[in-house]
Amino acid sequence: METERKDYHMFSPEERQRAVDLYFTTPMTTAQVVKHLGYPTRQCLERWLAKDPRHAGHMAKPIIPLETRTKGDRAGAGQHAAEAGR
């Protein structure tokens, strides 16, 4: 069985800055910035934004909540199923 190889790209500081600046200087959403530039992933851009001093502290919650990360369930399906059973 052949598995698909994922190529990981390290972005230069200039590429990161370009994406973050585009987000802050236009009314584009993160998804629109990613589509316009062709990079990075939306999650990656959101992490860069969270580290930027212009955006720091303005995110309502982490991209992947701590509770879900520790349970190993990225989608939180186990947590939602438990809440639904109450």
Protein backbone atom coordinates (compact mmCIF):
# COMPACT_ATOMS: atom_id res chain seq x y z
CA MET A 1 0.00 0.00 0.00
CA GLU A 2 1.36 3.39 -0.97
CA THR A 3 0.95 6.31 1.39
CA GLU A 4 0.73 9.92 0.38
CA ARG A 5 3.78 11.99 1.30
CA LYS A 6 3.13 15.37 2.82
CA ASP A 7 5.63 18.06 1.98
CA TYR A 8 6.05 20.58 4.75
CA HIS A 9 7.05 24.10 3.85
CA MET A 10 8.77 26.44 6.23
CA PHE A 11 7.66 29.98 5.56
CA SER A 12 10.13 32.82 5.56
CA PRO A 13 9.61 35.76 7.91
CA GLU A 14 8.71 37.85 4.85
CA GLU A 15 5.99 35.39 3.79
CA ARG A 16 4.57 35.34 7.30
CA GLN A 17 4.60 39.14 7.51
CA ARG A 18 2.95 39.49 4.10
CA ALA A 19 0.07 37.22 5.12
CA VAL A 20 -0.43 38.92 8.51
CA ASP A 21 -0.23 42.42 6.99
CA LEU A 22 -2.74 41.50 4.28
CA TYR A 23 -5.17 40.35 6.97
CA PHE A 24 -4.79 43.56 8.98
CA THR A 25 -4.86 46.01 6.06
CA THR A 26 -7.85 44.57 4.20
CA PRO A 27 -11.35 43.49 5.20
CA MET A 28 -10.48 39.90 4.17
CA THR A 29 -11.17 36.96 6.45
CA THR A 30 -8.42 34.45 7.21
CA ALA A 31 -9.92 32.05 4.65
CA GLN A 32 -9.90 34.78 2.00
CA VAL A 33 -6.25 35.69 2.74
CA VAL A 34 -5.23 32.04 2.37
CA LYS A 35 -7.15 31.71 -0.90
CA HIS A 36 -5.69 34.98 -2.24
CA LEU A 37 -2.07 34.15 -1.40
CA GLY A 38 -2.22 30.42 -1.95
CA TYR A 39 -0.52 29.86 1.40
CA PRO A 40 -0.48 29.09 4.38
CA THR A 41 -3.28 27.01 5.86
CA ARG A 42 -5.95 28.95 7.69
CA GLN A 43 -4.93 27.40 11.00
CA CYS A 44 -1.31 28.43 10.41
CA LEU A 45 -2.35 32.01 9.61
CA GLU A 46 -4.48 32.13 12.77
CA ARG A 47 -1.47 31.06 14.83
CA TRP A 48 0.65 33.78 13.24
CA LEU A 49 -2.09 36.32 13.98
CA ALA A 50 -2.25 35.21 17.61
CA LYS A 51 1.48 35.92 17.95
CA ASP A 52 1.23 39.36 16.34
CA PRO A 53 1.06 42.24 18.85
CA ARG A 54 -1.75 43.88 16.85
CA HIS A 55 -3.93 40.81 17.35
CA ALA A 56 -2.61 39.33 20.61
CA GLY A 57 -5.28 38.96 23.25
CA HIS A 58 -8.15 39.45 20.79
CA MET A 59 -8.73 35.77 20.08
CA ALA A 60 -11.72 34.50 22.01
CA LYS A 61 -10.37 30.97 22.41
CA PRO A 62 -7.46 28.87 21.21
CA ILE A 63 -7.75 27.33 17.76
CA ILE A 64 -7.63 23.84 19.26
CA PRO A 65 -9.00 24.04 22.82
CA LEU A 66 -6.72 22.57 25.47
CA GLU A 67 -9.41 20.09 26.59
CA THR A 68 -9.57 18.52 23.13
CA ARG A 69 -5.81 18.41 22.64
CA THR A 70 -5.22 16.49 25.85
CA LYS A 71 -7.90 13.94 24.99
CA GLY A 72 -6.42 13.41 21.54
CA ASP A 73 -9.74 14.21 19.91
CA ARG A 74 -9.16 17.14 17.55
CA ALA A 75 -12.81 17.50 16.60
CA GLY A 76 -14.07 17.28 20.16
CA ALA A 77 -16.48 14.51 19.11
CA GLY A 78 -16.03 12.60 22.35
CA GLN A 79 -16.76 15.70 24.40
CA HIS A 80 -19.89 16.54 22.37
CA ALA A 81 -21.16 12.98 22.60
CA ALA A 82 -20.74 13.03 26.38
CA GLU A 83 -22.60 16.34 26.66
CA ALA A 84 -25.44 15.05 24.44
CA GLY A 85 -25.90 12.06 26.72
CA ARG A 86 -26.62 14.26 29.76
